[in-house]
Protein backbone atom coordinates (compact mmCIF):
# COMPACT_ATOMS: atom_id res chain seq x y z
CA MET A 1 72.80 -12.30 -36.20
CA LYS A 2 71.49 -14.97 -33.62
CA LEU A 3 71.08 -12.20 -31.03
CA LEU A 4 68.83 -9.93 -33.56
CA SER A 5 66.78 -13.03 -34.69
CA VAL A 6 65.77 -13.76 -30.85
CA ILE A 7 64.89 -10.42 -30.28
CA LEU A 8 62.97 -9.87 -33.58
CA VAL A 9 61.22 -13.27 -32.38
CA GLY A 10 60.43 -11.99 -29.24
CA PHE A 11 58.92 -8.71 -30.63
CA ILE A 12 56.45 -10.68 -32.86
CA VAL A 13 55.36 -12.93 -30.36
CA ARG A 14 54.81 -9.98 -27.83
CA SER A 15 53.29 -7.77 -30.48
CA THR A 16 50.84 -11.06 -31.54
CA CYS A 17 49.85 -11.50 -27.74
CA ALA A 18 49.17 -7.73 -27.73
CA ALA A 19 46.91 -7.82 -30.91
CA VAL A 20 44.90 -10.83 -29.31
CA VAL A 21 44.16 -9.42 -25.71
CA LYS A 22 44.06 -5.97 -26.94
CA ARG A 23 41.44 -4.18 -25.00
CA ASP A 24 39.79 -0.81 -25.79
CA ALA A 25 40.70 2.34 -24.39
CA PHE A 26 37.64 2.11 -22.17
CA GLU A 27 38.58 -1.06 -20.49
CA GLU A 28 41.65 0.76 -19.79
CA GLY A 29 39.99 3.20 -17.74
CA GLN A 30 40.25 6.10 -20.46
CA PRO A 31 37.26 7.90 -21.95
CA ILE A 32 38.22 7.48 -25.40
CA ASP A 33 35.95 5.91 -28.38
CA GLU A 34 38.51 4.52 -30.79
CA LYS A 35 36.05 3.84 -33.51
CA THR A 36 34.44 7.46 -33.51
CA GLY A 37 37.59 9.53 -32.21
CA ARG A 38 35.41 11.17 -29.67
CA GLY A 39 36.84 11.60 -26.16
CA ALA A 40 40.36 12.13 -24.54
CA PRO A 41 42.24 10.82 -21.89
CA ILE A 42 41.95 11.67 -18.15
CA LEU A 43 45.21 12.89 -17.15
CA ALA A 44 44.90 13.45 -13.19
CA GLY A 45 42.07 14.05 -10.51
CA THR A 46 40.78 10.46 -10.93
CA ASN A 47 40.53 7.20 -9.10
CA ARG A 48 41.93 5.06 -11.70
CA GLN A 49 40.94 1.56 -9.87
CA ILE A 50 37.24 2.64 -10.03
CA ASP A 51 37.77 3.98 -13.52
CA LEU A 52 38.83 0.48 -14.60
CA GLN A 53 36.03 -1.27 -12.58
CA ASN A 54 33.40 0.89 -14.67
CA PRO A 55 34.18 1.26 -18.23
CA SER A 56 30.53 1.66 -18.72
CA GLY A 57 30.52 5.00 -16.64
CA LEU A 58 33.18 6.35 -19.04
CA GLY A 59 30.82 6.40 -22.00
CA GLN A 60 31.42 2.86 -23.38
CA ALA A 61 28.14 2.49 -23.96
CA SER A 62 26.84 4.38 -27.13
CA SER A 63 23.43 3.77 -26.49
CA ASP A 64 23.39 5.55 -23.03
CA ALA A 65 21.37 8.88 -23.40
CA GLY A 66 19.70 11.71 -21.03
CA ILE A 67 20.08 11.74 -17.35
CA VAL A 68 19.64 8.48 -15.13
CA PRO A 69 20.52 8.91 -11.42
CA ASN A 70 23.11 6.80 -9.91
CA LEU A 71 21.48 3.29 -9.28
CA LYS A 72 24.56 1.47 -8.01
CA TRP A 73 26.47 1.31 -4.25
CA SER A 74 29.07 -1.15 -3.25
CA PHE A 75 29.21 -2.45 -0.10
CA SER A 76 32.94 -1.62 0.24
CA LEU A 77 32.19 1.89 0.52
CA SER A 78 29.69 1.58 3.57
CA GLU A 79 30.65 2.24 6.74
CA MET A 80 31.90 -0.96 8.75
CA ARG A 81 30.61 -1.34 12.27
CA ILE A 82 32.57 -3.53 14.17
CA PHE A 83 31.56 -5.43 17.40
CA PRO A 84 33.17 -8.06 19.66
CA GLY A 85 32.06 -11.18 17.83
CA GLY A 86 31.38 -9.73 14.39
CA TRP A 87 30.62 -6.71 11.91
CA THR A 88 28.05 -5.13 9.90
CA ARG A 89 27.75 -2.93 7.26
CA THR A 90 24.66 -1.47 5.48
CA GLN A 91 23.25 0.12 2.45
CA VAL A 92 20.25 2.43 2.98
CA VAL A 93 18.55 5.20 1.28
CA GLN A 94 21.28 7.70 2.34
CA ASP A 95 23.81 5.50 0.38
CA LEU A 96 21.64 5.07 -2.59
CA PRO A 97 18.79 7.68 -2.62
CA GLN A 98 16.90 5.71 -5.27
CA SER A 99 16.59 2.55 -3.44
CA LYS A 100 13.70 3.87 -1.52
CA ASP A 101 11.77 0.45 -1.33
CA ILE A 102 14.62 -1.45 -0.14
CA ALA A 103 17.80 -1.49 2.54
CA GLY A 104 20.56 -4.08 2.53
CA ALA A 105 23.11 -4.95 4.92
CA GLN A 106 25.94 -7.77 5.15
CA GLN A 107 26.56 -9.38 8.69
CA HIS A 108 29.25 -11.53 10.10
CA LEU A 109 29.06 -13.49 13.18
CA ARG A 110 32.13 -15.72 14.81
CA LYS A 111 31.03 -18.87 16.51
CA GLY A 112 28.80 -18.29 19.33
CA ALA A 113 28.43 -14.84 18.82
CA ILE A 114 24.79 -13.42 19.07
CA ARG A 115 22.95 -10.55 17.19
CA GLU A 116 21.26 -8.91 19.97
CA LEU A 117 17.89 -9.75 20.69
CA HIS A 118 15.72 -7.49 19.06
CA TRP A 119 12.62 -6.47 16.45
CA HIS A 120 11.93 -4.17 13.90
CA LYS A 121 9.19 -1.97 12.67
CA VAL A 122 10.10 -3.46 9.11
CA ALA A 123 10.21 -7.15 7.83
CA GLU A 124 13.41 -8.57 7.84
CA TRP A 125 14.85 -11.30 5.18
CA GLY A 126 18.15 -13.10 5.25
CA PHE A 127 20.12 -15.14 3.12
CA VAL A 128 23.15 -17.58 4.29
CA TYR A 129 25.83 -17.38 1.89
CA ASN A 130 28.76 -18.71 4.53
CA GLY A 131 28.95 -20.90 7.36
CA THR A 132 25.89 -21.96 9.86
CA ILE A 133 23.64 -19.98 11.82
CA LEU A 134 20.76 -20.83 14.49
CA ILE A 135 18.04 -18.50 14.35
CA SER A 136 15.13 -18.05 17.22
CA ALA A 137 12.17 -15.87 16.75
CA VAL A 138 8.49 -15.63 18.61
CA ASP A 139 5.43 -14.48 17.19
CA GLU A 140 2.37 -12.48 18.40
CA HIS A 141 0.49 -15.91 19.51
CA GLY A 142 3.48 -16.94 21.36
CA LYS A 143 4.66 -19.69 18.90
CA PHE A 144 8.29 -20.04 18.38
CA GLN A 145 10.74 -21.24 16.12
CA VAL A 146 14.32 -22.39 16.48
CA ASP A 147 16.15 -23.67 13.36
CA ARG A 148 19.67 -24.34 11.75
CA LEU A 149 20.32 -22.42 8.22
CA SER A 150 23.28 -23.00 5.99
CA HIS A 151 24.61 -22.09 2.62
CA GLY A 152 21.13 -20.92 0.19
CA ASP A 153 18.78 -20.81 3.31
CA ILE A 154 16.29 -17.90 3.99
CA TRP A 155 14.57 -16.36 6.82
CA TYR A 156 11.98 -13.90 6.97
CA PHE A 157 10.65 -12.29 9.89
CA PRO A 158 7.49 -10.11 9.69
CA LYS A 159 7.40 -6.74 10.98
CA GLY A 160 7.43 -6.75 14.87
CA VAL A 161 8.45 -10.65 15.32
CA ALA A 162 11.04 -10.89 17.95
CA HIS A 163 14.31 -12.49 16.97
CA THR A 164 18.00 -13.34 17.30
CA VAL A 165 20.63 -15.13 15.15
CA GLN A 166 23.71 -16.98 16.57
CA GLY A 167 26.75 -18.18 14.91
CA LEU A 168 27.49 -21.68 14.83
CA ASP A 169 30.61 -22.47 12.59
CA ASP A 170 33.74 -20.82 13.22
CA GLU A 171 32.88 -17.83 10.51
CA ASN A 172 29.34 -17.09 9.26
CA GLU A 173 28.16 -14.34 7.02
CA TYR A 174 24.63 -13.51 5.28
CA LEU A 175 22.82 -10.81 3.61
CA LEU A 176 20.04 -9.05 5.03
CA ALA A 177 17.51 -6.98 3.20
CA PHE A 178 14.37 -4.73 4.82
CA ASP A 179 11.26 -3.67 3.26
CA ASP A 180 12.13 0.24 3.87
CA GLY A 181 15.05 1.83 2.45
CA ASN A 182 15.18 4.37 5.49
CA PHE A 183 16.39 1.09 7.53
CA ASP A 184 18.59 3.49 9.85
CA ALA A 185 15.87 5.89 10.98
CA VAL A 186 15.16 6.13 14.91
CA GLY A 187 12.15 4.00 15.35
CA VAL A 188 12.84 1.15 12.97
CA THR A 189 15.10 -1.30 15.40
CA PHE A 190 14.27 -1.88 19.14
CA ASN A 191 17.20 -4.10 20.91
CA ILE A 192 16.49 -5.49 24.06
CA ALA A 193 19.47 -4.15 26.25
CA ASP A 194 18.57 -0.61 25.32
CA TRP A 195 14.99 -1.10 26.20
CA VAL A 196 15.83 -2.62 29.48
CA LYS A 197 18.63 -0.19 30.40
CA HIS A 198 16.16 2.80 29.83
CA THR A 199 13.22 1.16 31.87
CA PRO A 200 13.26 1.65 35.85
CA LYS A 201 14.36 -1.02 37.86
CA ASP A 202 11.80 -1.17 39.79
CA VAL A 203 9.15 -1.44 36.89
CA LEU A 204 11.52 -4.35 35.61
CA ALA A 205 11.25 -6.32 39.05
CA LYS A 206 7.49 -6.01 39.19
CA ASN A 207 7.28 -7.09 35.70
CA PHE A 208 9.78 -10.15 35.76
CA GLY A 209 8.96 -10.94 39.30
CA LEU A 210 12.60 -10.59 39.85
CA ASP A 211 15.12 -8.49 42.44
CA GLU A 212 15.91 -4.80 41.16
CA SER A 213 20.02 -6.17 41.66
CA VAL A 214 19.32 -8.68 38.93
CA PHE A 215 19.50 -5.84 36.54
CA ASP A 216 22.63 -4.14 37.66
CA SER A 217 24.54 -5.69 34.87
CA VAL A 218 22.77 -4.83 32.15
CA PRO A 219 25.23 -3.13 29.11
CA GLU A 220 25.08 0.51 29.57
CA ARG A 221 25.20 0.66 25.66
CA THR A 222 23.33 -1.74 23.26
CA PRO A 223 26.06 -4.22 22.20
CA ASN A 224 24.16 -5.20 18.86
CA ILE A 225 26.70 -8.18 18.23
CA LEU A 226 28.13 -10.11 21.38
CA ASN A 227 30.35 -12.93 21.92
CA SER A 228 28.82 -16.27 23.84
CA THR A 229 28.86 -19.77 23.40
CA THR A 230 26.56 -21.74 21.09
CA SER A 231 23.35 -22.34 22.49
CA THR A 232 22.49 -25.91 23.77
CA ARG A 233 19.27 -25.41 25.54
CA GLU A 234 15.68 -26.71 24.16
CA VAL A 235 12.94 -24.74 24.36
CA ASP A 236 9.69 -26.05 26.02
CA ASN A 237 6.48 -24.02 24.84
CA PRO A 238 2.76 -25.28 25.14
CA ASP A 239 1.57 -23.04 22.58
CA GLY A 240 3.86 -24.96 20.14
CA GLU A 241 6.03 -24.00 17.30
CA VAL A 242 5.86 -22.31 14.27
CA THR A 243 5.39 -24.79 11.13
CA GLY A 244 4.22 -25.34 8.01
CA ASN A 245 3.10 -22.04 5.95
CA SER A 246 3.60 -19.89 8.92
CA SER A 247 7.63 -21.15 9.07
CA PHE A 248 10.02 -18.45 9.19
CA VAL A 249 12.58 -20.28 7.21
CA TYR A 250 12.86 -21.68 3.57
CA HIS A 251 15.47 -24.24 3.04
CA THR A 252 16.25 -23.12 -1.02
CA PHE A 253 18.31 -25.85 -2.27
CA GLN A 254 15.87 -28.56 -0.98
CA HIS A 255 13.51 -27.30 -3.70
CA PRO A 256 13.59 -27.38 -7.31
CA SER A 257 14.50 -24.11 -9.35
CA GLU A 258 12.57 -22.60 -11.97
CA SER A 259 12.20 -23.73 -15.68
CA VAL A 260 14.96 -21.59 -17.74
CA PRO A 261 14.14 -22.05 -21.34
CA GLY A 262 16.92 -20.12 -22.37
CA GLY A 263 19.45 -22.46 -21.01
CA GLY A 264 21.67 -19.81 -19.53
CA GLY A 265 21.79 -20.73 -15.95
CA THR A 266 19.52 -21.48 -12.76
CA PHE A 267 16.86 -19.21 -11.25
CA TYR A 268 15.60 -19.72 -7.93
CA LYS A 269 12.19 -17.98 -7.10
CA ILE A 270 11.30 -17.58 -3.40
CA ASP A 271 8.10 -15.50 -2.57
CA SER A 272 4.66 -15.73 -1.17
CA THR A 273 3.54 -18.87 -3.66
CA ASN A 274 6.30 -21.10 -2.13
CA PHE A 275 7.34 -19.40 0.93
CA PRO A 276 3.78 -18.08 2.51
CA ILE A 277 4.89 -16.21 5.34
CA SER A 278 7.10 -13.78 3.22
CA LYS A 279 4.24 -11.33 2.36
CA THR A 280 6.31 -7.98 1.45
CA ILE A 281 9.37 -9.20 0.28
CA ALA A 282 9.95 -11.36 -2.93
CA ALA A 283 13.20 -12.76 -3.94
CA THR A 284 15.20 -14.60 -6.70
CA PHE A 285 18.56 -16.29 -6.50
CA VAL A 286 20.15 -16.30 -9.77
CA THR A 287 23.27 -17.94 -11.39
CA LEU A 288 23.93 -16.98 -15.10
CA LYS A 289 26.72 -18.76 -17.17
CA PRO A 290 29.56 -16.77 -18.66
CA GLY A 291 28.48 -14.88 -21.48
CA GLY A 292 24.72 -15.17 -20.84
CA LEU A 293 22.10 -12.66 -20.72
CA ARG A 294 19.03 -12.12 -18.15
CA GLU A 295 16.79 -11.24 -20.93
CA LEU A 296 15.28 -7.78 -21.45
CA HIS A 297 12.18 -7.17 -19.01
CA TRP A 298 10.61 -5.20 -16.77
CA HIS A 299 8.91 -5.99 -13.46
CA PRO A 300 4.98 -4.45 -13.14
CA ASN A 301 4.78 -4.59 -9.40
CA ALA A 302 8.03 -3.29 -7.69
CA GLU A 303 11.47 -1.81 -7.94
CA GLU A 304 14.24 -4.39 -8.18
CA TRP A 305 17.04 -4.34 -5.61
CA LEU A 306 19.97 -6.54 -6.38
CA TYR A 307 23.09 -7.68 -4.57
CA PHE A 308 25.88 -9.21 -6.68
CA HIS A 309 27.76 -12.01 -4.95
CA SER A 310 30.43 -13.19 -7.42
CA GLY A 311 31.41 -12.68 -10.79
CA ASN A 312 31.25 -9.50 -13.28
CA GLY A 313 28.11 -8.33 -15.16
CA ARG A 314 26.72 -5.45 -16.90
CA ALA A 315 23.23 -3.90 -17.15
CA SER A 316 21.60 -1.02 -19.21
CA VAL A 317 18.32 0.58 -17.46
CA PHE A 318 15.72 2.28 -19.41
CA ILE A 319 13.56 5.01 -17.54
CA GLY A 320 11.68 6.23 -20.36
CA ASN A 321 11.58 9.18 -22.40
CA GLY A 322 14.94 8.51 -24.04
CA ASN A 323 16.88 7.94 -20.77
CA SER A 324 19.30 5.13 -20.31
CA ARG A 325 22.41 4.47 -18.35
CA THR A 326 24.72 1.32 -18.40
CA PHE A 327 26.48 0.25 -15.08
CA ASP A 328 28.99 -2.26 -14.52
CA PHE A 329 28.79 -4.83 -11.40
CA GLU A 330 31.16 -7.01 -9.50
CA ALA A 331 31.06 -9.03 -5.93
CA GLY A 332 29.73 -6.79 -3.33
CA ASP A 333 27.92 -4.28 -5.24
CA THR A 334 24.06 -3.47 -4.68
CA ALA A 335 21.87 -1.55 -7.38
CA VAL A 336 18.47 -0.65 -7.57
CA PHE A 337 16.29 -0.56 -10.91
CA PRO A 338 13.67 1.91 -10.64
CA ASP A 339 10.03 0.66 -10.89
CA ASN A 340 8.76 -0.47 -14.01
CA SER A 341 12.18 0.37 -16.00
CA GLY A 342 13.31 -1.50 -18.84
CA HIS A 343 16.44 -3.50 -18.13
CA TYR A 344 18.92 -6.77 -18.76
CA ILE A 345 21.71 -8.15 -16.83
CA GLU A 346 24.65 -9.62 -18.88
CA ASN A 347 27.57 -11.56 -17.73
CA THR A 348 30.69 -10.17 -19.05
CA SER A 349 32.97 -12.98 -18.32
CA ASP A 350 34.06 -15.65 -20.47
CA THR A 351 34.98 -17.97 -17.45
CA GLU A 352 33.30 -17.22 -14.46
CA ASP A 353 29.31 -17.44 -13.31
CA LEU A 354 27.76 -14.18 -12.39
CA VAL A 355 25.71 -14.89 -8.90
CA TRP A 356 23.34 -12.32 -7.57
CA ILE A 357 20.06 -11.90 -5.44
CA GLU A 358 16.84 -9.84 -6.60
CA ILE A 359 14.77 -8.23 -3.96
CA TYR A 360 11.02 -6.92 -4.46
CA LYS A 361 8.80 -5.16 -2.15
CA SER A 362 6.29 -7.32 -3.17
CA ASP A 363 4.35 -10.75 -2.10
CA ARG A 364 5.47 -12.16 -5.56
CA VAL A 365 8.26 -11.88 -8.38
CA ALA A 366 6.82 -10.57 -11.48
CA ASP A 367 8.17 -9.49 -14.91
CA ILE A 368 7.46 -9.10 -18.70
CA PRO A 369 10.05 -9.98 -20.83
CA LEU A 370 10.29 -7.53 -24.07
CA THR A 371 10.65 -10.77 -26.45
CA GLN A 372 7.30 -12.30 -25.29
CA TRP A 373 5.43 -9.31 -25.21
CA LEU A 374 6.18 -8.86 -29.36
CA ALA A 375 5.86 -12.46 -29.89
CA LEU A 376 2.32 -12.30 -28.43
CA THR A 377 1.63 -8.96 -30.18
CA PRO A 378 0.09 -8.99 -33.75
CA ALA A 379 3.10 -9.42 -35.81
CA ASP A 380 2.38 -6.72 -38.32
CA ILE A 381 1.64 -4.23 -35.63
CA VAL A 382 5.18 -5.05 -34.05
CA ALA A 383 6.94 -4.99 -37.61
CA SER A 384 5.36 -1.43 -38.15
CA ASN A 385 6.36 -0.21 -34.93
CA LEU A 386 10.16 -1.27 -34.98
CA LYS A 387 10.67 -1.42 -38.89
CA LEU A 388 11.28 -5.04 -38.81
CA PRO A 389 10.65 -7.74 -41.42
CA ILE A 390 7.62 -9.35 -40.56
CA GLY A 391 9.09 -12.73 -41.12
CA LEU A 392 11.42 -11.88 -38.34
CA VAL A 393 8.86 -10.98 -35.86
CA GLU A 394 6.91 -14.01 -36.39
CA LYS A 395 9.52 -16.31 -35.43
CA LEU A 396 9.83 -14.63 -31.97
CA LYS A 397 10.02 -16.94 -28.93
CA LYS A 398 6.54 -17.06 -27.41
CA GLU A 399 7.69 -18.52 -24.05
CA LYS A 400 9.86 -16.53 -21.42
CA GLN A 401 13.78 -17.47 -22.09
CA VAL A 402 14.53 -15.85 -18.42
CA LEU A 403 18.44 -16.60 -18.80
CA ILE A 404 19.70 -16.87 -22.44
CA LYS A 405 22.90 -19.00 -23.09
CA GLY A 406 25.80 -17.00 -24.36
CA ASN A 407 27.43 -17.28 -27.61
């Protein structure tokens, strides 16, 4: 009898716990709407881990409709290119065809490792999220900048600016963004060893005023990332350094964050209004608290490219004419929201912050929130359009909320 009682108690406890933590079928990786009875289980031929990470893709969002192309890519699906001293993986337009304005990359350098001296036909933007790096760059006026960057620091090199990056801590990692989705195309990146190796030695000797034999050890193939020791030399230049509004560097956390009336997190804006050199890439660094919402809005000036650094989130993207699709996001995911598309971002975790970066091919960050638009439109017009009580419309907030606190 005592044993039976123990078994019954155990059953009740398990049943109670199951009731508390019960997840719907979508959260279990099955396209079954238990409320309506629609759908059926997937029996075979699927990647269960991907299904579990993407319940919205299984039909969980009943508001989704029409045809919206894929707007999501994970860096974990990108080809990893490994080198002595580090690695790189990219997301270009061939990976995410809707991302026409921006390409992205993650890059890792060990201590002393150097991203080979190079330049691009496009602008380069970088954000350090681990370690400390040294950047060195020279502009068309012969001015240079050498600076140390650590967590949260940003650099921007306009197209054509010669530069390099070196790792200073044991392990260093950062996000890169470029203002052209077709970044891997021939004629976009120019590496120094590649150029020198494909220039006649007599021309090199004449150009540098050196003996031809000096260039016998130039690598046969461009190293891209190479091992070295951390730089200790100073640069002495009569033309001076790049400083002030011409600086290639922005130390994000040395500046105040933007006002967030909605109280849902922190929002840093980095664009030409506070980082003047950054004329073709505008960005934000966002931390959204558990359950919080990046309010419904759109961007009037550019498509939005995103990199999710940590946490779990969800976004629905409305592209007009009744077409809308919801996506789930986690660390390492990138996304693109088409130019002027309506969207939100929600932190789906109860305990963990959602952290991401937004990138725009523009000189400024700009958005129009849905609530503010309606609040600043005659209330009777809004009420007629949406069939809402006019009294409720009159109470809508007239100020941007940006990040709304979760319940």
